């Protein structure tokens, strides 16, 4: 499985950061959150950090979750 890709960020003039994914707006961070993001993105894997901050981060348990009894479709023919 490959890591996240297609993310980019841009510093805005009003001390904010705009994060895009494949050219579309994914998040805008302002104030203290923007500062924390910039520190983290410059010290680690930028693509992974942006995926996590935008909520587009897959945890790897999606395949197992579809088989969980709570997520299975119920058969309407069974009462």
PDB file of N, CA and C in Angstrom:
ATOM      1  N   UNK A   1       0.857  -1.179   0.000  1.00  0.00           N
ATOM      2  CA  UNK A   1       0.000   0.000   0.000  1.00  0.00           C
ATOM      3  C   UNK A   1       0.898   1.236   0.000  1.00  0.00           C
ATOM      4  N   UNK A   2       0.622   2.153  -0.880  1.00  0.00           N
ATOM      5  CA  UNK A   2       1.421   3.363  -0.963  1.00  0.00           C
ATOM      6  C   UNK A   2       0.907   4.398   0.030  1.00  0.00           C
ATOM      7  N   UNK A   3       1.740   5.345   0.328  1.00  0.00           N
ATOM      8  CA  UNK A   3       1.360   6.402   1.244  1.00  0.00           C
ATOM      9  C   UNK A   3       0.501   7.446   0.551  1.00  0.00           C
ATOM     10  N   UNK A   4       0.030   8.417   1.307  1.00  0.00           N
ATOM     11  CA  UNK A   4      -0.789   9.470   0.725  1.00  0.00           C
ATOM     12  C   UNK A   4       0.019  10.313  -0.256  1.00  0.00           C
ATOM     13  N   UNK A   5      -0.639  10.818  -1.273  1.00  0.00           N
ATOM     14  CA  UNK A   5       0.014  11.701  -2.236  1.00  0.00           C
ATOM     15  C   UNK A   5      -1.024  12.641  -2.824  1.00  0.00           C
ATOM     16  N   UNK A   6      -0.555  13.685  -3.481  1.00  0.00           N
ATOM     17  CA  UNK A   6      -1.457  14.657  -4.100  1.00  0.00           C
ATOM     18  C   UNK A   6      -1.772  15.856  -3.234  1.00  0.00           C
ATOM     19  N   UNK A   7      -1.186  15.930  -2.049  1.00  0.00           N
ATOM     20  CA  UNK A   7      -1.440  17.053  -1.153  1.00  0.00           C
ATOM     21  C   UNK A   7      -0.435  18.171  -1.404  1.00  0.00           C
ATOM     22  N   UNK A   8      -0.884  19.398  -1.183  1.00  0.00           N
ATOM     23  CA  UNK A   8      -0.019  20.571  -1.262  1.00  0.00           C
ATOM     24  C   UNK A   8      -0.538  21.587  -0.246  1.00  0.00           C
ATOM     25  N   UNK A   9       0.350  22.466   0.195  1.00  0.00           N
ATOM     26  CA  UNK A   9      -0.105  23.524   1.096  1.00  0.00           C
ATOM     27  C   UNK A   9       0.489  24.849   0.662  1.00  0.00           C
ATOM     28  N   UNK A  10      -0.201  25.897   1.058  1.00  0.00           N
ATOM     29  CA  UNK A  10       0.222  27.251   0.702  1.00  0.00           C
ATOM     30  C   UNK A  10       0.018  28.152   1.918  1.00  0.00           C
ATOM     31  N   UNK A  11       1.047  28.928   2.213  1.00  0.00           N
ATOM     32  CA  UNK A  11       0.929  29.910   3.291  1.00  0.00           C
ATOM     33  C   UNK A  11       0.179  31.113   2.749  1.00  0.00           C
ATOM     34  N   UNK A  12      -0.821  31.545   3.477  1.00  0.00           N
ATOM     35  CA  UNK A  12      -1.616  32.695   3.076  1.00  0.00           C
ATOM     36  C   UNK A  12      -1.138  33.923   3.841  1.00  0.00           C
ATOM     37  N   UNK A  13      -1.478  35.091   3.350  1.00  0.00           N
ATOM     38  CA  UNK A  13      -1.002  36.337   3.939  1.00  0.00           C
ATOM     39  C   UNK A  13      -1.531  36.625   5.325  1.00  0.00           C
ATOM     40  N   UNK A  14      -2.654  36.059   5.718  1.00  0.00           N
ATOM     41  CA  UNK A  14      -3.265  36.368   7.010  1.00  0.00           C
ATOM     42  C   UNK A  14      -2.914  35.328   8.077  1.00  0.00           C
ATOM     43  N   UNK A  15      -1.677  34.790   8.034  1.00  0.00           N
ATOM     44  CA  UNK A  15      -1.196  33.786   8.982  1.00  0.00           C
ATOM     45  C   UNK A  15      -2.070  32.544   8.981  1.00  0.00           C
ATOM     46  N   UNK A  16      -2.451  32.123   7.798  1.00  0.00           N
ATOM     47  CA  UNK A  16      -3.256  30.921   7.616  1.00  0.00           C
ATOM     48  C   UNK A  16      -2.558  30.012   6.609  1.00  0.00           C
ATOM     49  N   UNK A  17      -2.986  28.770   6.585  1.00  0.00           N
ATOM     50  CA  UNK A  17      -2.426  27.786   5.661  1.00  0.00           C
ATOM     51  C   UNK A  17      -3.597  27.106   4.954  1.00  0.00           C
ATOM     52  N   UNK A  18      -3.520  27.048   3.631  1.00  0.00           N
ATOM     53  CA  UNK A  18      -4.534  26.349   2.843  1.00  0.00           C
ATOM     54  C   UNK A  18      -3.935  25.034   2.364  1.00  0.00           C
ATOM     55  N   UNK A  19      -4.630  23.920   2.638  1.00  0.00           N
ATOM     56  CA  UNK A  19      -4.190  22.601   2.205  1.00  0.00           C
ATOM     57  C   UNK A  19      -5.112  22.153   1.073  1.00  0.00           C
ATOM     58  N   UNK A  20      -4.500  21.688  -0.010  1.00  0.00           N
ATOM     59  CA  UNK A  20      -5.281  21.184  -1.135  1.00  0.00           C
ATOM     60  C   UNK A  20      -4.926  19.724  -1.384  1.00  0.00           C
ATOM     61  N   UNK A  21      -5.868  19.013  -1.969  1.00  0.00           N
ATOM     62  CA  UNK A  21      -5.638  17.634  -2.376  1.00  0.00           C
ATOM     63  C   UNK A  21      -6.079  17.503  -3.825  1.00  0.00           C
ATOM     64  N   UNK A  22      -5.113  17.211  -4.672  1.00  0.00           N
ATOM     65  CA  UNK A  22      -5.348  17.105  -6.119  1.00  0.00           C
ATOM     66  C   UNK A  22      -6.030  18.356  -6.663  1.00  0.00           C
ATOM     67  N   UNK A  23      -5.580  19.516  -6.179  1.00  0.00           N
ATOM     68  CA  UNK A  23      -6.063  20.795  -6.700  1.00  0.00           C
ATOM     69  C   UNK A  23      -7.337  21.315  -6.058  1.00  0.00           C
ATOM     70  N   UNK A  24      -7.955  20.552  -5.177  1.00  0.00           N
ATOM     71  CA  UNK A  24      -9.193  20.991  -4.532  1.00  0.00           C
ATOM     72  C   UNK A  24      -8.920  21.323  -3.069  1.00  0.00           C
ATOM     73  N   UNK A  25      -9.608  22.329  -2.571  1.00  0.00           N
ATOM     74  CA  UNK A  25      -9.426  22.741  -1.174  1.00  0.00           C
ATOM     75  C   UNK A  25      -9.801  21.597  -0.239  1.00  0.00           C
ATOM     76  N   UNK A  26      -8.909  21.281   0.693  1.00  0.00           N
ATOM     77  CA  UNK A  26      -9.169  20.212   1.659  1.00  0.00           C
ATOM     78  C   UNK A  26      -9.323  20.776   3.069  1.00  0.00           C
ATOM     79  N   UNK A  27      -8.565  21.827   3.407  1.00  0.00           N
ATOM     80  CA  UNK A  27      -8.656  22.428   4.739  1.00  0.00           C
ATOM     81  C   UNK A  27      -7.974  23.786   4.722  1.00  0.00           C
ATOM     82  N   UNK A  28      -8.423  24.645   5.623  1.00  0.00           N
ATOM     83  CA  UNK A  28      -7.762  25.924   5.865  1.00  0.00           C
ATOM     84  C   UNK A  28      -7.525  26.024   7.356  1.00  0.00           C
ATOM     85  N   UNK A  29      -6.275  26.211   7.730  1.00  0.00           N
ATOM     86  CA  UNK A  29      -5.898  26.306   9.137  1.00  0.00           C
ATOM     87  C   UNK A  29      -5.507  27.734   9.450  1.00  0.00           C
ATOM     88  N   UNK A  30      -5.934  28.224  10.599  1.00  0.00           N
ATOM     89  CA  UNK A  30      -5.647  29.593  10.989  1.00  0.00           C
ATOM     90  C   UNK A  30      -5.071  29.641  12.393  1.00  0.00           C
ATOM     91  N   UNK A  31      -4.376  30.701  12.690  1.00  0.00           N
ATOM     92  CA  UNK A  31      -3.872  30.963  14.035  1.00  0.00           C
ATOM     93  C   UNK A  31      -2.901  29.911  14.523  1.00  0.00           C
ATOM     94  N   UNK A  32      -3.127  29.465  15.767  1.00  0.00           N
ATOM     95  CA  UNK A  32      -2.242  28.501  16.406  1.00  0.00           C
ATOM     96  C   UNK A  32      -2.191  27.162  15.691  1.00  0.00           C
ATOM     97  N   UNK A  33      -3.326  26.738  15.135  1.00  0.00           N
ATOM     98  CA  UNK A  33      -3.349  25.468  14.410  1.00  0.00           C
ATOM     99  C   UNK A  33      -2.450  25.537  13.184  1.00  0.00           C
ATOM    100  N   UNK A  34      -2.448  26.673  12.506  1.00  0.00           N
ATOM    101  CA  UNK A  34      -1.588  26.823  11.324  1.00  0.00           C
ATOM    102  C   UNK A  34      -0.118  26.751  11.732  1.00  0.00           C
ATOM    103  N   UNK A  35       0.220  27.369  12.843  1.00  0.00           N
ATOM    104  CA  UNK A  35       1.597  27.331  13.329  1.00  0.00           C
ATOM    105  C   UNK A  35       2.042  25.919  13.685  1.00  0.00           C
ATOM    106  N   UNK A  36       1.183  25.188  14.389  1.00  0.00           N
ATOM    107  CA  UNK A  36       1.504  23.804  14.741  1.00  0.00           C
ATOM    108  C   UNK A  36       1.665  22.945  13.496  1.00  0.00           C
ATOM    109  N   UNK A  37       0.779  23.164  12.522  1.00  0.00           N
ATOM    110  CA  UNK A  37       0.858  22.408  11.272  1.00  0.00           C
ATOM    111  C   UNK A  37       2.185  22.659  10.568  1.00  0.00           C
ATOM    112  N   UNK A  38       2.592  23.922  10.469  1.00  0.00           N
ATOM    113  CA  UNK A  38       3.831  24.255   9.768  1.00  0.00           C
ATOM    114  C   UNK A  38       5.052  23.629  10.428  1.00  0.00           C
ATOM    115  N   UNK A  39       5.072  23.624  11.754  1.00  0.00           N
ATOM    116  CA  UNK A  39       6.188  22.989  12.462  1.00  0.00           C
ATOM    117  C   UNK A  39       6.222  21.497  12.143  1.00  0.00           C
ATOM    118  N   UNK A  40       5.056  20.866  12.185  1.00  0.00           N
ATOM    119  CA  UNK A  40       4.982  19.418  11.957  1.00  0.00           C
ATOM    120  C   UNK A  40       5.278  19.039  10.506  1.00  0.00           C
ATOM    121  N   UNK A  41       4.757  19.814   9.557  1.00  0.00           N
ATOM    122  CA  UNK A  41       4.936  19.460   8.149  1.00  0.00           C
ATOM    123  C   UNK A  41       6.378  19.641   7.703  1.00  0.00           C
ATOM    124  N   UNK A  42       7.082  20.573   8.311  1.00  0.00           N
ATOM    125  CA  UNK A  42       8.471  20.817   7.938  1.00  0.00           C
ATOM    126  C   UNK A  42       9.446  19.852   8.613  1.00  0.00           C
ATOM    127  N   UNK A  43       8.967  19.106   9.611  1.00  0.00           N
ATOM    128  CA  UNK A  43       9.867  18.192  10.312  1.00  0.00           C
ATOM    129  C   UNK A  43       9.577  16.722  10.028  1.00  0.00           C
ATOM    130  N   UNK A  44       8.562  16.440   9.223  1.00  0.00           N
ATOM    131  CA  UNK A  44       8.211  15.041   8.965  1.00  0.00           C
ATOM    132  C   UNK A  44       7.842  14.817   7.516  1.00  0.00           C
ATOM    133  N   UNK A  45       7.189  13.694   7.260  1.00  0.00           N
ATOM    134  CA  UNK A  45       6.708  13.361   5.926  1.00  0.00           C
ATOM    135  C   UNK A  45       5.527  14.281   5.604  1.00  0.00           C
ATOM    136  N   UNK A  46       5.741  15.236   4.736  1.00  0.00           N
ATOM    137  CA  UNK A  46       4.744  16.275   4.468  1.00  0.00           C
ATOM    138  C   UNK A  46       3.415  15.689   3.982  1.00  0.00           C
ATOM    139  N   UNK A  47       3.447  14.707   3.087  1.00  0.00           N
ATOM    140  CA  UNK A  47       2.210  14.129   2.565  1.00  0.00           C
ATOM    141  C   UNK A  47       1.412  13.444   3.670  1.00  0.00           C
ATOM    142  N   UNK A  48       2.082  12.713   4.517  1.00  0.00           N
ATOM    143  CA  UNK A  48       1.415  12.021   5.616  1.00  0.00           C
ATOM    144  C   UNK A  48       0.831  13.009   6.618  1.00  0.00           C
ATOM    145  N   UNK A  49       1.565  14.054   6.917  1.00  0.00           N
ATOM    146  CA  UNK A  49       1.093  15.074   7.853  1.00  0.00           C
ATOM    147  C   UNK A  49      -0.148  15.767   7.300  1.00  0.00           C
ATOM    148  N   UNK A  50      -0.122  16.138   6.026  1.00  0.00           N
ATOM    149  CA  UNK A  50      -1.285  16.816   5.434  1.00  0.00           C
ATOM    150  C   UNK A  50      -2.494  15.891   5.383  1.00  0.00           C
ATOM    151  N   UNK A  51      -2.292  14.619   5.100  1.00  0.00           N
ATOM    152  CA  UNK A  51      -3.405  13.669   5.083  1.00  0.00           C
ATOM    153  C   UNK A  51      -4.036  13.571   6.473  1.00  0.00           C
ATOM    154  N   UNK A  52      -3.204  13.531   7.499  1.00  0.00           N
ATOM    155  CA  UNK A  52      -3.720  13.427   8.853  1.00  0.00           C
ATOM    156  C   UNK A  52      -4.463  14.686   9.276  1.00  0.00           C
ATOM    157  N   UNK A  53      -3.940  15.845   8.943  1.00  0.00           N
ATOM    158  CA  UNK A  53      -4.575  17.105   9.334  1.00  0.00           C
ATOM    159  C   UNK A  53      -5.888  17.344   8.596  1.00  0.00           C
ATOM    160  N   UNK A  54      -6.047  16.781   7.409  1.00  0.00           N
ATOM    161  CA  UNK A  54      -7.287  16.975   6.663  1.00  0.00           C
ATOM    162  C   UNK A  54      -8.309  15.889   6.929  1.00  0.00           C
ATOM    163  N   UNK A  55      -7.906  14.850   7.647  1.00  0.00           N
ATOM    164  CA  UNK A  55      -8.842  13.767   7.929  1.00  0.00           C
ATOM    165  C   UNK A  55      -8.901  12.737   6.814  1.00  0.00           C
ATOM    166  N   UNK A  56      -8.006  12.822   5.853  1.00  0.00           N
ATOM    167  CA  UNK A  56      -7.993  11.885   4.742  1.00  0.00           C
ATOM    168  C   UNK A  56      -6.983  10.775   4.991  1.00  0.00           C
ATOM    169  N   UNK A  57      -6.815  10.415   6.232  1.00  0.00           N
ATOM    170  CA  UNK A  57      -5.806   9.438   6.610  1.00  0.00           C
ATOM    171  C   UNK A  57      -6.475   8.088   6.847  1.00  0.00           C
ATOM    172  N   UNK A  58      -6.065   7.075   6.118  1.00  0.00           N
ATOM    173  CA  UNK A  58      -6.612   5.730   6.289  1.00  0.00           C
ATOM    174  C   UNK A  58      -5.788   5.000   7.339  1.00  0.00           C
ATOM    175  N   UNK A  59      -6.465   4.345   8.234  1.00  0.00           N
ATOM    176  CA  UNK A  59      -5.797   3.672   9.334  1.00  0.00           C
ATOM    177  C   UNK A  59      -5.419   2.232   9.009  1.00  0.00           C
ATOM    178  N   UNK A  60      -5.888   1.695   7.902  1.00  0.00           N
ATOM    179  CA  UNK A  60      -5.539   0.340   7.520  1.00  0.00           C
ATOM    180  C   UNK A  60      -6.513  -0.707   8.010  1.00  0.00           C
ATOM    181  N   UNK A  61      -7.545  -0.310   8.740  1.00  0.00           N
ATOM    182  CA  UNK A  61      -8.488  -1.284   9.255  1.00  0.00           C
ATOM    183  C   UNK A  61      -9.804  -1.293   8.478  1.00  0.00           C
ATOM    184  N   UNK A  62      -9.846  -0.640   7.336  1.00  0.00           N
ATOM    185  CA  UNK A  62     -11.086  -0.546   6.582  1.00  0.00           C
ATOM    186  C   UNK A  62     -11.555  -1.909   6.086  1.00  0.00           C
ATOM    187  N   UNK A  63     -10.622  -2.751   5.669  1.00  0.00           N
ATOM    188  CA  UNK A  63     -10.994  -4.068   5.156  1.00  0.00           C
ATOM    189  C   UNK A  63     -11.607  -4.921   6.262  1.00  0.00           C
ATOM    190  N   UNK A  64     -11.014  -4.907   7.436  1.00  0.00           N
ATOM    191  CA  UNK A  64     -11.541  -5.691   8.551  1.00  0.00           C
ATOM    192  C   UNK A  64     -12.877  -5.139   9.029  1.00  0.00           C
ATOM    193  N   UNK A  65     -13.061  -3.844   8.961  1.00  0.00           N
ATOM    194  CA  UNK A  65     -14.288  -3.226   9.450  1.00  0.00           C
ATOM    195  C   UNK A  65     -15.501  -3.606   8.617  1.00  0.00           C
ATOM    196  N   UNK A  66     -15.322  -3.853   7.334  1.00  0.00           N
ATOM    197  CA  UNK A  66     -16.488  -4.193   6.504  1.00  0.00           C
ATOM    198  C   UNK A  66     -17.061  -5.552   6.876  1.00  0.00           C
ATOM    199  N   UNK A  67     -16.264  -6.420   7.499  1.00  0.00           N
ATOM    200  CA  UNK A  67     -16.739  -7.738   7.895  1.00  0.00           C
ATOM    201  C   UNK A  67     -17.298  -7.771   9.316  1.00  0.00           C
ATOM    202  N   UNK A  68     -17.234  -6.668  10.009  1.00  0.00           N
ATOM    203  CA  UNK A  68     -17.763  -6.608  11.366  1.00  0.00           C
ATOM    204  C   UNK A  68     -19.286  -6.755  11.313  1.00  0.00           C
ATOM    205  N   UNK A  69     -19.889  -7.501  12.244  1.00  0.00           N
ATOM    206  CA  UNK A  69     -21.343  -7.716  12.214  1.00  0.00           C
ATOM    207  C   UNK A  69     -22.159  -6.430  12.154  1.00  0.00           C
ATOM    208  N   UNK A  70     -21.676  -5.383  12.771  1.00  0.00           N
ATOM    209  CA  UNK A  70     -22.408  -4.120  12.767  1.00  0.00           C
ATOM    210  C   UNK A  70     -22.476  -3.510  11.362  1.00  0.00           C
ATOM    211  N   UNK A  71     -21.489  -3.800  10.511  1.00  0.00           N
ATOM    212  CA  UNK A  71     -21.423  -3.185   9.194  1.00  0.00           C
ATOM    213  C   UNK A  71     -21.936  -4.078   8.070  1.00  0.00           C
ATOM    214  N   UNK A  72     -22.337  -5.283   8.373  1.00  0.00           N
ATOM    215  CA  UNK A  72     -22.880  -6.163   7.337  1.00  0.00           C
ATOM    216  C   UNK A  72     -24.297  -5.755   7.009  1.00  0.00           C
ATOM    217  N   UNK A  73     -24.655  -5.921   5.767  1.00  0.00           N
ATOM    218  CA  UNK A  73     -26.043  -5.641   5.364  1.00  0.00           C
ATOM    219  C   UNK A  73     -26.940  -6.746   5.870  1.00  0.00           C
ATOM    220  N   UNK A  74     -28.081  -6.364   6.299  1.00  0.00           N
ATOM    221  CA  UNK A  74     -29.038  -7.353   6.767  1.00  0.00           C
ATOM    222  C   UNK A  74     -29.825  -7.883   5.582  1.00  0.00           C
ATOM    223  N   UNK A  75     -30.118  -9.142   5.612  1.00  0.00           N
ATOM    224  CA  UNK A  75     -30.889  -9.780   4.551  1.00  0.00           C
ATOM    225  C   UNK A  75     -32.372  -9.499   4.801  1.00  0.00           C
ATOM    226  N   UNK A  76     -33.043  -8.771   3.896  1.00  0.00           N
ATOM    227  CA  UNK A  76     -34.440  -8.406   4.136  1.00  0.00           C
ATOM    228  C   UNK A  76     -35.386  -9.620   4.123  1.00  0.00           C
ATOM    229  N   UNK A  77     -34.978 -10.727   3.511  1.00  0.00           N
ATOM    230  CA  UNK A  77     -35.840 -11.892   3.469  1.00  0.00           C
ATOM    231  C   UNK A  77     -35.875 -12.619   4.812  1.00  0.00           C
ATOM    232  N   UNK A  78     -34.846 -12.373   5.633  1.00  0.00           N
ATOM    233  CA  UNK A  78     -34.838 -12.961   6.972  1.00  0.00           C
ATOM    234  C   UNK A  78     -35.554 -12.030   7.931  1.00  0.00           C
ATOM    235  N   UNK A  79     -36.364 -12.548   8.769  1.00  0.00           N
ATOM    236  CA  UNK A  79     -37.170 -11.742   9.657  1.00  0.00           C
ATOM    237  C   UNK A  79     -36.451 -11.105  10.694  1.00  0.00           C
TER     238      UNK A  79
END
